[in-house]
């Protein structure tokens, strides 16, 4: 059970994108076999788009980029990946690496370009 009924992280992702779905399944695997499994709530906006309403998020924003809520802050894109990796068992080194001041901006640029292409590809394939 989560501490105080609250999850440390809420991960908003889009399973309608096969690449995104595979990435989330991989990340979930890091949590499933550990005591951290209850620290994360996984929210699939493809099956529960209404989950975004209280946050004021547009569904296309989450289709485009991973969103992770943590401690009252919303992390998006590369920053969401870093926040998730920081909590994932065995993945903290990735969070530290991509969180370095010299690498973080590069990670954000690379993530955003890849997300742009992936969003376009999924839209072209009629997934939304």
N, C-alpha and C. Protein backbone atom coordinates (compact mmCIF):
# COMPACT_ATOMS: atom_id res chain seq x y z
N UNK A 1 0.85 -1.19 0.00
CA UNK A 1 0.00 0.00 0.00
C UNK A 1 0.89 1.25 0.00
N UNK A 2 0.52 2.25 -0.78
CA UNK A 2 1.29 3.50 -0.81
C UNK A 2 1.31 4.19 0.55
N UNK A 3 2.35 4.96 0.80
CA UNK A 3 2.44 5.71 2.04
C UNK A 3 1.32 6.73 2.13
N UNK A 4 0.64 6.77 3.26
CA UNK A 4 -0.46 7.73 3.48
C UNK A 4 -1.50 7.69 2.38
N UNK A 5 -1.64 6.55 1.72
CA UNK A 5 -2.63 6.44 0.63
C UNK A 5 -2.21 7.16 -0.64
N UNK A 6 -0.99 7.70 -0.67
CA UNK A 6 -0.51 8.46 -1.82
C UNK A 6 0.67 7.72 -2.47
N UNK A 7 0.74 7.78 -3.77
CA UNK A 7 1.88 7.23 -4.50
C UNK A 7 2.96 8.31 -4.61
N UNK A 8 4.23 7.88 -4.56
CA UNK A 8 5.33 8.84 -4.73
C UNK A 8 5.31 9.43 -6.13
N UNK A 9 4.97 8.60 -7.12
CA UNK A 9 4.93 9.02 -8.52
C UNK A 9 3.62 8.60 -9.15
N UNK A 10 3.11 9.44 -10.02
CA UNK A 10 2.00 9.09 -10.90
C UNK A 10 2.51 9.25 -12.31
N UNK A 11 2.51 8.14 -13.05
CA UNK A 11 3.05 8.13 -14.40
C UNK A 11 1.89 8.12 -15.38
N UNK A 12 1.82 9.16 -16.21
CA UNK A 12 0.79 9.28 -17.24
C UNK A 12 1.43 8.92 -18.57
N UNK A 13 0.94 7.85 -19.18
CA UNK A 13 1.53 7.35 -20.41
C UNK A 13 0.44 6.94 -21.39
N UNK A 14 0.86 6.64 -22.63
CA UNK A 14 -0.07 6.34 -23.70
C UNK A 14 0.22 4.96 -24.30
N UNK A 15 -0.60 3.98 -23.95
CA UNK A 15 -0.37 2.62 -24.46
C UNK A 15 -0.81 2.45 -25.92
N UNK A 16 -1.47 3.45 -26.50
CA UNK A 16 -1.85 3.36 -27.91
C UNK A 16 -0.63 3.44 -28.81
N UNK A 17 0.46 3.95 -28.29
CA UNK A 17 1.73 4.01 -29.01
C UNK A 17 2.52 2.75 -28.64
N UNK A 18 2.81 1.88 -29.61
CA UNK A 18 3.51 0.63 -29.27
C UNK A 18 4.91 0.84 -28.70
N UNK A 19 5.61 1.87 -29.14
CA UNK A 19 6.94 2.15 -28.61
C UNK A 19 6.83 2.62 -27.16
N UNK A 20 5.87 3.49 -26.90
CA UNK A 20 5.65 3.99 -25.54
C UNK A 20 5.23 2.86 -24.61
N UNK A 21 4.34 2.03 -25.09
CA UNK A 21 3.85 0.90 -24.29
C UNK A 21 5.01 -0.03 -23.92
N UNK A 22 5.87 -0.34 -24.87
CA UNK A 22 7.02 -1.21 -24.59
C UNK A 22 7.95 -0.57 -23.57
N UNK A 23 8.18 0.73 -23.69
CA UNK A 23 9.05 1.43 -22.74
C UNK A 23 8.47 1.41 -21.33
N UNK A 24 7.18 1.62 -21.22
CA UNK A 24 6.53 1.61 -19.90
C UNK A 24 6.55 0.21 -19.31
N UNK A 25 6.30 -0.80 -20.14
CA UNK A 25 6.35 -2.18 -19.63
C UNK A 25 7.75 -2.50 -19.09
N UNK A 26 8.76 -2.01 -19.77
CA UNK A 26 10.14 -2.20 -19.31
C UNK A 26 10.34 -1.51 -17.97
N UNK A 27 9.90 -0.26 -17.86
CA UNK A 27 10.05 0.49 -16.61
C UNK A 27 9.26 -0.16 -15.48
N UNK A 28 8.04 -0.60 -15.77
CA UNK A 28 7.22 -1.25 -14.74
C UNK A 28 7.92 -2.50 -14.21
N UNK A 29 8.61 -3.19 -15.11
CA UNK A 29 9.33 -4.39 -14.72
C UNK A 29 10.38 -4.11 -13.65
N UNK A 30 10.99 -2.93 -13.71
CA UNK A 30 11.98 -2.56 -12.70
C UNK A 30 11.33 -2.44 -11.31
N UNK A 31 10.08 -2.02 -11.29
CA UNK A 31 9.38 -1.82 -10.02
C UNK A 31 8.70 -3.09 -9.51
N UNK A 32 8.19 -3.91 -10.40
CA UNK A 32 7.35 -5.05 -10.02
C UNK A 32 8.03 -6.01 -9.05
N UNK A 33 9.30 -6.23 -9.19
CA UNK A 33 10.01 -7.20 -8.36
C UNK A 33 10.67 -6.57 -7.14
N UNK A 34 10.21 -5.39 -6.75
CA UNK A 34 10.85 -4.71 -5.63
C UNK A 34 9.81 -4.14 -4.67
N UNK A 35 10.29 -3.67 -3.56
CA UNK A 35 9.39 -3.05 -2.58
C UNK A 35 8.87 -1.70 -3.08
N UNK A 36 9.46 -1.17 -4.14
CA UNK A 36 9.04 0.12 -4.70
C UNK A 36 7.81 0.00 -5.59
N UNK A 37 7.29 -1.22 -5.79
CA UNK A 37 6.18 -1.41 -6.73
C UNK A 37 4.93 -0.62 -6.35
N UNK A 38 4.75 -0.36 -5.06
CA UNK A 38 3.57 0.39 -4.62
C UNK A 38 3.79 1.90 -4.61
N UNK A 39 5.00 2.32 -4.96
CA UNK A 39 5.31 3.75 -4.95
C UNK A 39 4.84 4.47 -6.20
N UNK A 40 4.42 3.70 -7.20
CA UNK A 40 4.08 4.29 -8.50
C UNK A 40 2.66 3.90 -8.90
N UNK A 41 1.93 4.90 -9.36
CA UNK A 41 0.62 4.65 -9.96
C UNK A 41 0.79 4.86 -11.47
N UNK A 42 0.41 3.85 -12.24
CA UNK A 42 0.55 3.88 -13.70
C UNK A 42 -0.80 4.23 -14.29
N UNK A 43 -0.89 5.33 -15.01
CA UNK A 43 -2.16 5.80 -15.55
C UNK A 43 -2.07 5.84 -17.07
N UNK A 44 -2.78 4.93 -17.70
CA UNK A 44 -2.78 4.81 -19.15
C UNK A 44 -3.88 5.71 -19.72
N UNK A 45 -3.48 6.79 -20.35
CA UNK A 45 -4.47 7.75 -20.85
C UNK A 45 -5.21 7.24 -22.09
N UNK A 46 -4.70 6.18 -22.71
CA UNK A 46 -5.42 5.58 -23.83
C UNK A 46 -6.68 4.89 -23.34
N UNK A 47 -6.63 4.31 -22.14
CA UNK A 47 -7.81 3.63 -21.61
C UNK A 47 -8.55 4.49 -20.59
N UNK A 48 -7.91 5.54 -20.08
CA UNK A 48 -8.55 6.41 -19.09
C UNK A 48 -8.23 7.88 -19.36
N UNK A 49 -8.72 8.42 -20.50
CA UNK A 49 -8.40 9.83 -20.82
C UNK A 49 -8.99 10.82 -19.81
N UNK A 50 -10.04 10.42 -19.10
CA UNK A 50 -10.64 11.32 -18.11
C UNK A 50 -9.72 11.59 -16.92
N UNK A 51 -8.69 10.77 -16.75
CA UNK A 51 -7.73 10.97 -15.65
C UNK A 51 -6.98 12.28 -15.80
N UNK A 52 -6.98 12.84 -17.00
CA UNK A 52 -6.25 14.09 -17.25
C UNK A 52 -7.06 15.33 -16.87
N UNK A 53 -8.38 15.21 -16.81
CA UNK A 53 -9.24 16.37 -16.57
C UNK A 53 -8.87 17.14 -15.30
N UNK A 54 -8.67 16.48 -14.16
CA UNK A 54 -8.34 17.26 -12.96
C UNK A 54 -6.99 17.98 -13.05
N UNK A 55 -6.15 17.53 -13.95
CA UNK A 55 -4.81 18.12 -14.09
C UNK A 55 -4.78 19.25 -15.11
N UNK A 56 -5.84 19.37 -15.90
CA UNK A 56 -5.87 20.38 -16.95
C UNK A 56 -4.92 20.08 -18.10
N UNK A 57 -4.58 18.81 -18.26
CA UNK A 57 -3.68 18.41 -19.35
C UNK A 57 -4.46 18.05 -20.59
N UNK A 58 -3.92 18.40 -21.73
CA UNK A 58 -4.49 18.02 -23.01
C UNK A 58 -4.01 16.62 -23.36
N UNK A 59 -4.90 15.80 -23.88
CA UNK A 59 -4.54 14.42 -24.19
C UNK A 59 -3.38 14.34 -25.19
N UNK A 60 -3.32 15.26 -26.14
CA UNK A 60 -2.22 15.23 -27.11
C UNK A 60 -0.87 15.54 -26.46
N UNK A 61 -0.88 16.31 -25.37
CA UNK A 61 0.38 16.56 -24.66
C UNK A 61 0.94 15.26 -24.09
N UNK A 62 0.06 14.43 -23.52
CA UNK A 62 0.50 13.17 -22.93
C UNK A 62 0.75 12.12 -24.01
N UNK A 63 0.04 12.23 -25.13
CA UNK A 63 0.36 11.36 -26.26
C UNK A 63 1.76 11.66 -26.79
N UNK A 64 2.15 12.90 -26.69
CA UNK A 64 3.45 13.33 -27.19
C UNK A 64 4.59 12.98 -26.24
N UNK A 65 4.40 13.22 -24.95
CA UNK A 65 5.49 13.09 -23.99
C UNK A 65 5.02 12.44 -22.69
N UNK A 66 5.89 11.66 -22.13
CA UNK A 66 5.67 11.07 -20.82
C UNK A 66 5.48 12.18 -19.80
N UNK A 67 4.54 11.99 -18.88
CA UNK A 67 4.30 12.94 -17.79
C UNK A 67 4.38 12.16 -16.48
N UNK A 68 5.10 12.72 -15.51
CA UNK A 68 5.23 12.10 -14.19
C UNK A 68 4.97 13.16 -13.13
N UNK A 69 3.95 12.91 -12.30
CA UNK A 69 3.65 13.80 -11.19
C UNK A 69 4.39 13.29 -9.96
N UNK A 70 5.07 14.23 -9.29
CA UNK A 70 5.85 13.87 -8.10
C UNK A 70 5.88 15.07 -7.16
N UNK A 71 5.40 14.86 -5.97
CA UNK A 71 5.48 15.92 -4.96
C UNK A 71 4.86 17.23 -5.39
N UNK A 72 3.75 17.19 -6.08
CA UNK A 72 3.08 18.41 -6.50
C UNK A 72 3.65 19.04 -7.76
N UNK A 73 4.65 18.41 -8.36
CA UNK A 73 5.27 18.93 -9.58
C UNK A 73 5.04 17.96 -10.72
N UNK A 74 4.82 18.49 -11.91
CA UNK A 74 4.66 17.66 -13.10
C UNK A 74 5.95 17.71 -13.91
N UNK A 75 6.55 16.55 -14.11
CA UNK A 75 7.74 16.42 -14.95
C UNK A 75 7.28 15.95 -16.33
N UNK A 76 7.88 16.50 -17.37
CA UNK A 76 7.46 16.19 -18.74
C UNK A 76 8.68 15.80 -19.56
N UNK A 77 8.49 14.80 -20.43
CA UNK A 77 9.53 14.40 -21.37
C UNK A 77 10.75 13.82 -20.69
N UNK A 78 11.92 14.33 -21.04
CA UNK A 78 13.17 13.83 -20.47
C UNK A 78 13.18 13.99 -18.95
N UNK A 79 12.61 15.08 -18.46
CA UNK A 79 12.56 15.28 -17.01
C UNK A 79 11.67 14.22 -16.35
N UNK A 80 10.62 13.78 -17.02
CA UNK A 80 9.76 12.71 -16.51
C UNK A 80 10.54 11.40 -16.47
N UNK A 81 11.29 11.13 -17.53
CA UNK A 81 12.13 9.93 -17.56
C UNK A 81 13.13 9.94 -16.40
N UNK A 82 13.75 11.08 -16.16
CA UNK A 82 14.73 11.21 -15.08
C UNK A 82 14.07 10.97 -13.73
N UNK A 83 12.90 11.56 -13.51
CA UNK A 83 12.18 11.37 -12.24
C UNK A 83 11.82 9.91 -12.03
N UNK A 84 11.38 9.24 -13.08
CA UNK A 84 11.01 7.83 -12.99
C UNK A 84 12.24 6.96 -12.76
N UNK A 85 13.30 7.21 -13.50
CA UNK A 85 14.54 6.43 -13.34
C UNK A 85 15.13 6.61 -11.95
N UNK A 86 14.96 7.78 -11.38
CA UNK A 86 15.50 8.05 -10.05
C UNK A 86 14.85 7.15 -8.99
N UNK A 87 13.61 6.78 -9.19
CA UNK A 87 12.88 5.93 -8.24
C UNK A 87 12.96 4.45 -8.59
N UNK A 88 13.28 4.13 -9.84
CA UNK A 88 13.28 2.73 -10.30
C UNK A 88 14.48 1.99 -9.74
N UNK A 89 14.26 0.83 -9.15
CA UNK A 89 15.38 0.04 -8.64
C UNK A 89 16.40 -0.25 -9.75
N UNK A 90 17.66 0.05 -9.46
CA UNK A 90 18.73 -0.21 -10.42
C UNK A 90 18.87 0.82 -11.52
N UNK A 91 18.04 1.86 -11.51
CA UNK A 91 18.08 2.86 -12.58
C UNK A 91 18.53 4.25 -12.12
N UNK A 92 18.86 4.38 -10.85
CA UNK A 92 19.27 5.68 -10.33
C UNK A 92 20.46 6.27 -11.05
N UNK A 93 21.36 5.43 -11.50
CA UNK A 93 22.54 5.91 -12.22
C UNK A 93 22.14 6.63 -13.50
N UNK A 94 21.05 6.15 -14.16
CA UNK A 94 20.58 6.84 -15.38
C UNK A 94 20.05 8.23 -15.04
N UNK A 95 19.33 8.32 -13.93
CA UNK A 95 18.80 9.62 -13.50
C UNK A 95 19.94 10.58 -13.20
N UNK A 96 20.96 10.08 -12.52
CA UNK A 96 22.11 10.94 -12.21
C UNK A 96 22.85 11.36 -13.47
N UNK A 97 23.04 10.42 -14.39
CA UNK A 97 23.75 10.71 -15.63
C UNK A 97 23.02 11.76 -16.46
N UNK A 98 21.74 11.49 -16.76
CA UNK A 98 20.98 12.42 -17.62
C UNK A 98 20.56 13.69 -16.89
N UNK A 99 20.69 13.68 -15.56
CA UNK A 99 20.40 14.87 -14.79
C UNK A 99 21.58 15.82 -14.65
N UNK A 100 22.75 15.40 -15.14
CA UNK A 100 23.93 16.28 -15.07
C UNK A 100 23.66 17.56 -15.87
N UNK A 101 24.11 18.69 -15.35
CA UNK A 101 23.84 19.96 -16.02
C UNK A 101 24.26 20.01 -17.49
N UNK A 102 25.30 19.31 -17.86
CA UNK A 102 25.74 19.33 -19.26
C UNK A 102 24.91 18.38 -20.13
N UNK A 103 24.39 17.31 -19.53
CA UNK A 103 23.63 16.33 -20.32
C UNK A 103 22.12 16.57 -20.34
N UNK A 104 21.59 17.18 -19.29
CA UNK A 104 20.13 17.37 -19.21
C UNK A 104 19.57 18.13 -20.43
N UNK A 105 20.15 19.25 -20.83
CA UNK A 105 19.61 19.96 -22.00
C UNK A 105 19.70 19.11 -23.28
N UNK A 106 20.77 18.34 -23.41
CA UNK A 106 20.90 17.47 -24.58
C UNK A 106 19.86 16.36 -24.55
N UNK A 107 19.61 15.80 -23.36
CA UNK A 107 18.60 14.76 -23.20
C UNK A 107 17.22 15.32 -23.54
N UNK A 108 16.94 16.55 -23.12
CA UNK A 108 15.65 17.17 -23.42
C UNK A 108 15.47 17.38 -24.92
N UNK A 109 16.50 17.86 -25.58
CA UNK A 109 16.42 18.07 -27.03
C UNK A 109 16.22 16.75 -27.75
N UNK A 110 17.01 15.74 -27.39
CA UNK A 110 16.89 14.43 -28.04
C UNK A 110 15.52 13.81 -27.78
N UNK A 111 15.04 13.89 -26.53
CA UNK A 111 13.72 13.34 -26.21
C UNK A 111 12.64 14.05 -27.03
N UNK A 112 12.68 15.36 -27.06
CA UNK A 112 11.64 16.12 -27.76
C UNK A 112 11.61 15.82 -29.26
N UNK A 113 12.78 15.71 -29.88
CA UNK A 113 12.81 15.39 -31.32
C UNK A 113 12.26 13.98 -31.57
N UNK A 114 12.67 13.02 -30.74
CA UNK A 114 12.18 11.66 -30.88
C UNK A 114 10.67 11.62 -30.64
N UNK A 115 10.20 12.34 -29.62
CA UNK A 115 8.76 12.38 -29.31
C UNK A 115 7.98 13.02 -30.46
N UNK A 116 8.53 14.05 -31.09
CA UNK A 116 7.88 14.67 -32.24
C UNK A 116 7.68 13.65 -33.37
N UNK A 117 8.75 12.92 -33.67
CA UNK A 117 8.67 11.91 -34.73
C UNK A 117 7.72 10.78 -34.38
N UNK A 118 7.75 10.33 -33.15
CA UNK A 118 6.89 9.24 -32.70
C UNK A 118 5.42 9.67 -32.72
N UNK A 119 5.15 10.89 -32.27
CA UNK A 119 3.78 11.41 -32.30
C UNK A 119 3.26 11.46 -33.73
N UNK A 120 4.07 12.00 -34.63
CA UNK A 120 3.69 12.10 -36.05
C UNK A 120 3.44 10.71 -36.62
N UNK A 121 4.33 9.75 -36.36
CA UNK A 121 4.21 8.38 -36.87
C UNK A 121 2.92 7.72 -36.37
N UNK A 122 2.63 7.85 -35.07
CA UNK A 122 1.42 7.26 -34.51
C UNK A 122 0.16 7.90 -35.09
N UNK A 123 0.20 9.20 -35.27
CA UNK A 123 -0.95 9.90 -35.85
C UNK A 123 -1.17 9.44 -37.30
N UNK A 124 -0.08 9.30 -38.04
CA UNK A 124 -0.16 8.85 -39.42
C UNK A 124 -0.70 7.43 -39.52
N UNK A 125 -0.36 6.59 -38.53
CA UNK A 125 -0.84 5.21 -38.48
C UNK A 125 -2.28 5.11 -37.98
N UNK A 126 -2.88 6.23 -37.60
CA UNK A 126 -4.26 6.24 -37.17
C UNK A 126 -4.49 5.74 -35.75
N UNK A 127 -3.49 5.82 -34.93
CA UNK A 127 -3.64 5.34 -33.55
C UNK A 127 -4.41 6.34 -32.68
N UNK A 128 -4.52 7.58 -33.17
CA UNK A 128 -5.38 8.59 -32.56
C UNK A 128 -5.70 9.67 -33.52
